[in-house]
N, C-alpha and C. Protein backbone atom coordinates (compact mmCIF):
# COMPACT_ATOMS: atom_id res chain seq x y z
N MET A 1 -25.77 4.50 3.02
CA MET A 1 -25.40 3.08 3.49
C MET A 1 -24.15 3.22 2.53
N ALA A 2 -22.80 2.24 2.73
CA ALA A 2 -21.93 1.71 2.21
C ALA A 2 -22.45 0.85 1.39
N ALA A 3 -21.46 0.95 -0.28
CA ALA A 3 -21.24 0.24 -0.91
C ALA A 3 -19.87 -0.61 -0.46
N VAL A 4 -19.78 -2.19 -0.84
CA VAL A 4 -19.08 -3.21 -0.60
C VAL A 4 -18.42 -3.90 -2.06
N ARG A 5 -17.75 -3.61 -2.17
CA ARG A 5 -17.45 -4.34 -3.52
C ARG A 5 -16.46 -5.40 -3.56
N THR A 6 -16.59 -6.60 -3.94
CA THR A 6 -15.89 -7.81 -3.53
C THR A 6 -15.04 -8.14 -4.95
N ALA A 7 -13.70 -8.95 -4.86
CA ALA A 7 -13.07 -9.78 -5.53
C ALA A 7 -12.54 -10.85 -5.24
N GLU A 8 -12.20 -11.55 -5.84
CA GLU A 8 -11.62 -13.22 -5.24
C GLU A 8 -10.04 -13.32 -6.16
N VAL A 9 -9.14 -13.76 -5.30
CA VAL A 9 -7.97 -15.03 -6.18
C VAL A 9 -7.72 -15.61 -5.92
N THR A 10 -7.51 -16.59 -7.04
CA THR A 10 -6.90 -18.00 -6.26
C THR A 10 -5.07 -18.01 -7.18
N TRP A 11 -4.28 -18.08 -6.21
CA TRP A 11 -2.86 -17.82 -6.28
C TRP A 11 -2.28 -19.54 -5.92
N GLU A 12 -1.52 -20.06 -7.12
CA GLU A 12 -0.77 -21.18 -7.22
C GLU A 12 0.42 -20.71 -6.96
N GLY A 13 1.36 -21.18 -6.29
CA GLY A 13 2.83 -21.37 -6.31
C GLY A 13 3.79 -20.85 -5.52
N ASP A 14 4.82 -20.71 -5.56
CA ASP A 14 5.63 -19.55 -4.45
C ASP A 14 5.44 -18.17 -5.50
N LEU A 15 6.30 -16.92 -5.45
CA LEU A 15 5.87 -16.18 -5.84
C LEU A 15 5.93 -15.20 -6.90
N LEU A 16 7.57 -16.04 -7.66
CA LEU A 16 8.63 -15.92 -8.92
C LEU A 16 7.99 -16.53 -9.72
N SER A 17 7.33 -17.91 -9.38
CA SER A 17 7.12 -18.72 -10.52
C SER A 17 5.38 -19.47 -10.33
N GLY A 18 5.22 -19.03 -9.60
CA GLY A 18 3.63 -19.10 -8.97
C GLY A 18 2.88 -17.83 -10.26
N ASN A 19 0.96 -18.35 -10.27
CA ASN A 19 0.38 -17.40 -10.87
C ASN A 19 -0.94 -17.40 -10.05
N GLY A 20 -1.79 -16.90 -10.63
CA GLY A 20 -3.73 -16.69 -10.13
C GLY A 20 -4.05 -16.28 -10.97
N VAL A 21 -5.23 -16.30 -10.83
CA VAL A 21 -6.27 -15.61 -11.31
C VAL A 21 -7.02 -14.83 -10.37
N VAL A 22 -8.47 -13.17 -10.94
CA VAL A 22 -8.48 -12.91 -10.12
C VAL A 22 -9.78 -13.25 -10.92
N THR A 23 -10.96 -12.85 -9.97
CA THR A 23 -12.33 -12.69 -10.65
C THR A 23 -13.30 -10.90 -10.01
N ALA A 24 -14.01 -10.71 -10.56
CA ALA A 24 -14.78 -9.18 -10.47
C ALA A 24 -15.60 -10.82 -9.64
N GLY A 25 -15.83 -10.09 -8.48
CA GLY A 25 -17.08 -10.85 -7.22
C GLY A 25 -17.51 -10.14 -7.33
N THR A 26 -18.39 -9.00 -7.45
CA THR A 26 -19.86 -8.13 -7.32
C THR A 26 -20.36 -8.22 -8.31
N SER A 27 -19.73 -7.67 -9.24
CA SER A 27 -20.48 -7.87 -10.69
C SER A 27 -20.15 -9.04 -11.56
N GLY A 28 -19.33 -9.56 -11.41
CA GLY A 28 -19.18 -11.07 -12.46
C GLY A 28 -18.40 -10.66 -13.97
N LEU A 29 -18.12 -9.10 -14.21
CA LEU A 29 -17.91 -8.77 -15.17
C LEU A 29 -16.66 -9.37 -15.94
N PHE A 30 -16.07 -9.63 -15.15
CA PHE A 30 -14.42 -10.30 -15.20
C PHE A 30 -14.27 -11.75 -14.48
N LYS A 31 -13.79 -12.92 -15.14
CA LYS A 31 -13.09 -13.65 -14.42
C LYS A 31 -12.27 -14.32 -15.22
N ARG A 32 -11.18 -14.68 -13.91
CA ARG A 32 -10.29 -15.35 -14.17
C ARG A 32 -9.42 -14.79 -14.84
N LEU A 33 -9.28 -13.29 -14.92
CA LEU A 33 -7.99 -12.58 -15.66
C LEU A 33 -6.78 -13.29 -15.02
N PRO A 34 -5.95 -13.60 -15.46
CA PRO A 34 -4.37 -14.35 -14.86
C PRO A 34 -3.46 -13.39 -14.65
N VAL A 35 -3.20 -13.67 -13.52
CA VAL A 35 -1.77 -12.79 -12.88
C VAL A 35 -0.53 -13.22 -12.91
N SER A 36 0.37 -12.25 -12.69
CA SER A 36 2.01 -13.27 -12.16
C SER A 36 2.45 -11.94 -11.72
N TRP A 37 3.20 -12.54 -10.82
CA TRP A 37 4.89 -11.31 -10.67
C TRP A 37 5.46 -10.41 -11.33
N ALA A 38 5.52 -11.50 -13.01
CA ALA A 38 6.52 -11.02 -13.69
C ALA A 38 5.89 -10.22 -14.43
N THR A 39 4.18 -10.00 -14.18
CA THR A 39 3.13 -8.99 -15.30
C THR A 39 3.29 -7.85 -14.55
N ARG A 40 3.85 -7.73 -13.04
CA ARG A 40 3.93 -6.28 -12.34
C ARG A 40 5.11 -6.37 -12.94
N THR A 41 6.00 -7.13 -13.16
CA THR A 41 7.69 -6.23 -13.20
C THR A 41 8.71 -6.51 -14.39
N GLU A 42 7.46 -7.18 -15.72
CA GLU A 42 7.96 -7.42 -16.64
C GLU A 42 6.99 -6.95 -18.09
N ALA A 43 7.30 -7.84 -18.77
CA ALA A 43 6.26 -7.31 -19.49
C ALA A 43 4.77 -8.21 -19.35
N SER A 44 4.00 -8.06 -19.77
CA SER A 44 2.66 -8.51 -19.32
C SER A 44 2.02 -9.59 -19.93
N GLY A 45 2.49 -9.99 -21.07
CA GLY A 45 2.23 -11.36 -21.85
C GLY A 45 1.48 -11.49 -21.70
N GLY A 46 -0.15 -10.64 -22.06
CA GLY A 46 -1.43 -10.87 -21.62
C GLY A 46 -2.41 -10.93 -20.68
N LYS A 47 -1.45 -10.99 -19.66
CA LYS A 47 -1.80 -10.78 -18.16
C LYS A 47 -2.41 -9.41 -17.88
N THR A 48 -3.26 -9.52 -16.20
CA THR A 48 -3.13 -8.41 -15.94
C THR A 48 -2.34 -8.17 -14.57
N SER A 49 -2.51 -7.20 -14.15
CA SER A 49 -1.67 -7.19 -12.61
C SER A 49 -2.22 -6.28 -11.51
N PRO A 50 -2.03 -6.54 -10.35
CA PRO A 50 -2.69 -5.26 -9.65
C PRO A 50 -2.89 -3.84 -9.75
N GLU A 51 -1.26 -3.02 -10.89
CA GLU A 51 -0.94 -2.35 -10.70
C GLU A 51 -1.96 -1.79 -12.13
N GLU A 52 -2.71 -2.30 -12.87
CA GLU A 52 -3.00 -1.96 -13.64
C GLU A 52 -4.60 -2.15 -13.74
N LEU A 53 -4.82 -2.52 -12.37
CA LEU A 53 -6.49 -3.21 -12.17
C LEU A 53 -6.45 -1.20 -11.10
N LEU A 54 -5.40 -0.84 -10.86
CA LEU A 54 -5.23 -0.01 -10.11
C LEU A 54 -5.42 1.47 -10.89
N ALA A 55 -4.65 1.53 -11.93
CA ALA A 55 -4.70 2.09 -12.77
C ALA A 55 -6.26 2.67 -14.03
N SER A 56 -7.37 0.80 -13.94
CA SER A 56 -8.60 1.75 -14.18
C SER A 56 -9.45 1.84 -13.45
N ALA A 57 -9.16 1.44 -12.19
CA ALA A 57 -9.43 2.27 -10.80
C ALA A 57 -9.41 3.26 -10.98
N HIS A 58 -8.80 3.95 -10.98
CA HIS A 58 -8.35 5.60 -10.22
C HIS A 58 -8.37 5.89 -11.48
N ALA A 59 -8.78 5.85 -13.06
CA ALA A 59 -9.26 6.24 -14.39
C ALA A 59 -10.63 6.97 -14.29
N SER A 60 -11.44 5.81 -14.20
CA SER A 60 -12.63 6.16 -13.99
C SER A 60 -13.57 6.42 -12.89
N CYS A 61 -12.37 6.40 -11.43
CA CYS A 61 -13.01 7.18 -10.19
C CYS A 61 -12.90 8.70 -10.95
N TYR A 62 -11.56 9.33 -11.23
CA TYR A 62 -11.28 10.43 -11.40
C TYR A 62 -12.46 11.12 -12.79
N ALA A 63 -12.43 10.36 -14.04
CA ALA A 63 -13.17 10.58 -15.23
C ALA A 63 -14.41 10.93 -14.49
N MET A 64 -14.95 10.24 -13.46
CA MET A 64 -16.56 10.88 -12.61
C MET A 64 -16.28 11.85 -12.05
N ALA A 65 -15.28 11.73 -10.88
CA ALA A 65 -14.97 13.23 -9.91
C ALA A 65 -14.63 14.70 -11.21
N LEU A 66 -14.02 13.88 -12.44
CA LEU A 66 -13.93 15.58 -13.06
C LEU A 66 -15.05 16.03 -13.62
N SER A 67 -16.36 14.83 -14.21
CA SER A 67 -17.46 15.23 -14.98
C SER A 67 -18.14 16.16 -13.59
N ALA A 68 -18.70 15.53 -12.32
CA ALA A 68 -19.17 16.45 -11.73
C ALA A 68 -18.79 17.82 -10.90
N GLY A 69 -17.36 17.78 -11.04
CA GLY A 69 -16.76 18.93 -10.76
C GLY A 69 -16.78 19.72 -11.81
N LEU A 70 -17.00 19.19 -13.05
CA LEU A 70 -17.69 20.52 -13.97
C LEU A 70 -18.91 20.95 -14.52
N ALA A 71 -19.40 19.89 -13.72
CA ALA A 71 -20.75 20.42 -13.92
C ALA A 71 -21.11 21.09 -12.86
N ARG A 72 -20.82 20.98 -11.68
CA ARG A 72 -20.83 22.18 -10.47
C ARG A 72 -20.56 23.31 -10.31
N ALA A 73 -19.52 23.81 -11.26
CA ALA A 73 -18.64 24.85 -11.47
C ALA A 73 -20.13 25.35 -12.84
N GLY A 74 -21.04 24.88 -13.72
CA GLY A 74 -22.23 25.40 -14.71
C GLY A 74 -21.28 24.15 -16.32
N THR A 75 -20.49 23.81 -15.80
CA THR A 75 -19.68 23.24 -17.60
C THR A 75 -19.67 21.86 -17.80
N PRO A 76 -21.22 21.43 -17.46
CA PRO A 76 -21.19 19.42 -18.02
C PRO A 76 -20.02 19.93 -19.22
N PRO A 77 -19.09 18.69 -19.03
CA PRO A 77 -18.03 18.32 -20.29
C PRO A 77 -19.19 17.33 -21.07
N LYS A 78 -18.36 17.35 -22.77
CA LYS A 78 -19.88 16.52 -23.72
C LYS A 78 -18.44 15.19 -23.28
N LYS A 79 -16.99 15.26 -23.45
CA LYS A 79 -16.02 13.97 -23.23
C LYS A 79 -15.64 14.13 -22.35
N LEU A 80 -15.21 13.27 -21.32
CA LEU A 80 -14.18 13.07 -21.47
C LEU A 80 -13.17 11.92 -21.44
N GLU A 81 -11.62 12.16 -22.07
CA GLU A 81 -10.86 10.54 -22.47
C GLU A 81 -9.45 10.51 -21.49
N VAL A 82 -9.60 9.86 -20.45
CA VAL A 82 -8.76 9.76 -19.10
C VAL A 82 -7.90 8.33 -19.54
N SER A 83 -6.80 8.68 -19.39
CA SER A 83 -6.01 7.86 -19.19
C SER A 83 -4.63 7.82 -17.72
N VAL A 84 -4.51 6.31 -17.46
CA VAL A 84 -3.91 6.80 -15.81
C VAL A 84 -2.64 5.54 -16.17
N ALA A 85 -1.57 5.70 -15.63
CA ALA A 85 -0.39 4.95 -16.06
C ALA A 85 0.31 5.14 -14.81
N VAL A 86 0.25 3.93 -13.94
CA VAL A 86 0.15 3.19 -12.49
C VAL A 86 1.73 2.99 -12.36
N THR A 87 2.69 3.40 -11.24
CA THR A 87 4.52 3.43 -11.55
C THR A 87 4.36 2.28 -10.01
N PHE A 88 5.32 0.99 -10.54
CA PHE A 88 5.08 -0.38 -9.53
C PHE A 88 7.20 -0.55 -9.98
N ASP A 89 7.60 0.42 -8.90
CA ASP A 89 9.14 0.37 -8.65
C ASP A 89 9.98 -0.24 -7.88
N LYS A 90 11.11 -0.77 -7.61
CA LYS A 90 11.65 -1.26 -6.49
C LYS A 90 12.59 -0.23 -6.00
N VAL A 91 12.09 0.65 -4.52
CA VAL A 91 12.73 0.86 -3.64
C VAL A 91 13.48 0.75 -2.98
N GLU A 92 14.03 1.37 -1.56
CA GLU A 92 14.86 0.78 -0.80
C GLU A 92 14.07 -0.14 0.34
N ALA A 93 12.82 0.24 0.50
CA ALA A 93 11.83 -0.77 1.60
C ALA A 93 11.38 -1.71 0.45
N GLY A 94 12.00 -1.94 -0.44
CA GLY A 94 11.43 -3.16 -1.64
C GLY A 94 10.24 -2.41 -2.63
N TRP A 95 9.72 -3.02 -3.02
CA TRP A 95 9.05 -3.26 -4.48
C TRP A 95 7.01 -2.31 -3.95
N ARG A 96 7.11 -1.38 -4.51
CA ARG A 96 5.75 -0.41 -4.26
C ARG A 96 5.21 0.26 -5.23
N VAL A 97 4.26 0.89 -4.97
CA VAL A 97 3.55 1.40 -6.14
C VAL A 97 4.27 3.16 -5.76
N THR A 98 4.99 3.43 -7.11
CA THR A 98 5.18 5.18 -6.18
C THR A 98 4.52 5.81 -6.95
N SER A 99 3.66 6.26 -7.94
CA SER A 99 3.04 7.27 -8.17
C SER A 99 1.46 6.18 -9.88
N SER A 100 0.79 7.85 -9.45
CA SER A 100 0.28 7.17 -10.26
C SER A 100 -0.45 8.92 -11.21
N THR A 101 -0.18 8.38 -12.19
CA THR A 101 -0.33 10.12 -13.51
C THR A 101 -1.25 9.74 -14.52
N ILE A 102 -2.31 10.83 -13.63
CA ILE A 102 -3.53 10.99 -15.02
C ILE A 102 -3.36 12.26 -16.13
N LYS A 103 -3.48 11.43 -17.51
CA LYS A 103 -3.87 12.30 -18.57
C LYS A 103 -5.14 12.81 -18.77
N VAL A 104 -5.76 13.97 -18.74
CA VAL A 104 -7.01 13.70 -19.54
C VAL A 104 -7.04 15.18 -20.30
N LYS A 105 -8.20 14.44 -21.17
CA LYS A 105 -8.21 15.31 -22.43
C LYS A 105 -9.49 15.58 -22.60
N GLY A 106 -10.31 17.08 -22.39
CA GLY A 106 -12.01 17.22 -22.38
C GLY A 106 -12.50 17.57 -22.89
N THR A 107 -13.53 17.91 -23.47
CA THR A 107 -14.44 18.32 -24.37
C THR A 107 -15.29 18.96 -23.68
N VAL A 108 -14.98 20.67 -23.10
CA VAL A 108 -16.35 20.72 -22.25
C VAL A 108 -16.08 22.28 -23.02
N PRO A 109 -18.19 22.44 -23.49
CA PRO A 109 -18.52 23.59 -23.97
C PRO A 109 -18.32 24.88 -22.74
N GLY A 110 -18.17 25.95 -23.09
CA GLY A 110 -18.14 27.24 -22.75
C GLY A 110 -16.95 27.28 -20.97
N ALA A 111 -16.14 25.84 -21.18
CA ALA A 111 -14.97 26.20 -19.98
C ALA A 111 -13.88 26.96 -21.05
N ASP A 112 -12.84 27.34 -19.90
CA ASP A 112 -11.82 27.55 -21.14
C ASP A 112 -10.21 27.06 -19.96
N ASP A 113 -9.08 26.98 -20.53
CA ASP A 113 -7.55 26.24 -19.86
C ASP A 113 -8.26 26.02 -18.35
N ALA A 114 -7.91 27.69 -18.19
CA ALA A 114 -7.75 28.10 -16.43
C ALA A 114 -8.71 26.89 -15.94
N ALA A 115 -10.27 27.31 -16.10
CA ALA A 115 -10.80 26.33 -15.47
C ALA A 115 -11.35 24.84 -15.51
N PHE A 116 -10.86 24.80 -16.88
CA PHE A 116 -9.76 23.08 -16.99
C PHE A 116 -9.44 22.56 -16.39
N LYS A 117 -8.42 23.81 -16.37
CA LYS A 117 -6.85 22.78 -15.17
C LYS A 117 -7.54 22.74 -13.83
N LYS A 118 -8.28 23.88 -13.24
CA LYS A 118 -8.62 24.03 -12.26
C LYS A 118 -9.43 22.57 -11.52
N ALA A 119 -10.58 22.43 -12.39
CA ALA A 119 -11.30 21.49 -12.12
C ALA A 119 -10.53 20.12 -12.42
N ALA A 120 -9.54 19.90 -13.23
CA ALA A 120 -8.60 18.73 -13.53
C ALA A 120 -8.35 18.61 -11.76
N GLU A 121 -7.21 19.59 -11.19
CA GLU A 121 -6.77 19.78 -9.88
C GLU A 121 -7.36 19.53 -8.94
N GLY A 122 -8.95 19.90 -9.07
CA GLY A 122 -9.25 19.30 -7.80
C GLY A 122 -10.43 18.42 -8.16
N ALA A 123 -10.13 17.51 -9.31
CA ALA A 123 -10.76 15.92 -9.61
C ALA A 123 -9.95 14.97 -8.79
N LYS A 124 -8.30 15.19 -9.20
CA LYS A 124 -7.38 15.15 -8.92
C LYS A 124 -7.03 14.65 -7.78
N ASP A 125 -7.74 15.90 -6.49
CA ASP A 125 -7.46 16.02 -4.86
C ASP A 125 -8.47 15.28 -4.34
N GLY A 126 -9.63 15.45 -5.13
CA GLY A 126 -11.10 14.67 -4.31
C GLY A 126 -11.76 13.88 -4.83
N CYS A 127 -11.23 12.30 -6.00
CA CYS A 127 -11.84 11.61 -6.47
C CYS A 127 -11.25 10.61 -5.19
N PRO A 128 -12.16 9.52 -4.75
CA PRO A 128 -11.91 8.70 -3.63
C PRO A 128 -10.89 7.45 -4.10
N ILE A 129 -10.52 6.95 -4.81
CA ILE A 129 -9.09 6.45 -5.46
C ILE A 129 -7.90 7.58 -5.04
N SER A 130 -7.81 8.42 -5.21
CA SER A 130 -6.64 9.76 -4.82
C SER A 130 -6.68 9.70 -3.53
N GLN A 131 -7.93 9.95 -3.10
CA GLN A 131 -7.85 9.97 -1.90
C GLN A 131 -7.28 8.95 -1.14
N ALA A 132 -7.48 7.69 -1.43
CA ALA A 132 -7.13 6.35 -0.50
C ALA A 132 -5.52 6.34 -1.05
N LEU A 133 -4.78 6.62 -2.06
CA LEU A 133 -4.04 6.53 -2.52
C LEU A 133 -2.65 8.06 -1.64
N LYS A 134 -3.26 8.83 -1.51
CA LYS A 134 -2.57 10.46 -0.52
C LYS A 134 -2.25 10.37 0.11
N GLY A 135 -0.61 10.50 0.08
CA GLY A 135 0.67 10.58 1.11
C GLY A 135 1.55 9.23 0.97
N ASN A 136 0.76 8.15 0.03
CA ASN A 136 1.57 7.24 -0.06
C ASN A 136 2.31 7.42 -1.52
N VAL A 137 1.63 8.04 -2.27
CA VAL A 137 1.98 7.47 -3.85
C VAL A 137 2.05 8.73 -4.59
N ALA A 138 2.59 9.13 -4.99
CA ALA A 138 2.84 10.92 -5.95
C ALA A 138 1.26 10.86 -6.82
N LEU A 139 1.15 11.64 -6.64
CA LEU A 139 0.01 11.68 -7.92
C LEU A 139 -0.42 12.50 -8.77
N SER A 140 -0.23 12.99 -9.93
CA SER A 140 -0.39 14.06 -10.82
C SER A 140 -1.10 13.84 -11.50
N VAL A 141 -1.68 15.31 -12.80
CA VAL A 141 -2.21 15.20 -13.82
C VAL A 141 -1.99 16.26 -15.05
N GLU A 142 -2.15 16.03 -15.80
CA GLU A 142 -1.93 16.83 -17.35
C GLU A 142 -3.17 16.83 -17.89
N ALA A 143 -3.34 17.93 -17.64
CA ALA A 143 -5.17 17.81 -18.49
C ALA A 143 -4.74 19.41 -19.58
N THR A 144 -5.95 18.83 -20.95
CA THR A 144 -5.61 19.19 -21.94
C THR A 144 -7.11 19.86 -22.24
N LEU A 145 -7.31 20.53 -22.83
CA LEU A 145 -8.88 20.92 -22.89
C LEU A 145 -9.04 21.24 -24.95
N ALA A 146 -9.54 20.44 -25.06
CA ALA A 146 -10.17 20.34 -27.07
C ALA A 146 -10.41 21.64 -27.32
N LYS A 147 -9.82 21.81 -28.16
CA LYS A 147 -10.12 23.45 -29.27
C LYS A 147 -10.90 22.78 -30.07
């Protein structure tokens, strides 16, 4: 059975001077987070942006995919620390998400550097959020095995 998740936004005003609020509809875990155009292209000023929300989705999805891949290889992780930087930039066609850069540090008993890097690349290619971005956004991963 398919899982459907929802979010809602209320926006007031035009693009440049307007603002809005985004709420997690399914879980209700965040309500009325402020968003604006300026938070996408300038300093965040205590507000979020679609790109920050995309980065959090990609980081959590990637961590799950890497955890599963490592476990399938017989080396389940003790700890994975994942950060994702999503770049929003003005290009010839206008504003767009241009890249999603993953950095992961893993504590993985029994894994060597080569096995960890292979699993990290596999998770980058296989996580559902990466799959949604692939072909439209440059994806990269930097994997470090904790010693």
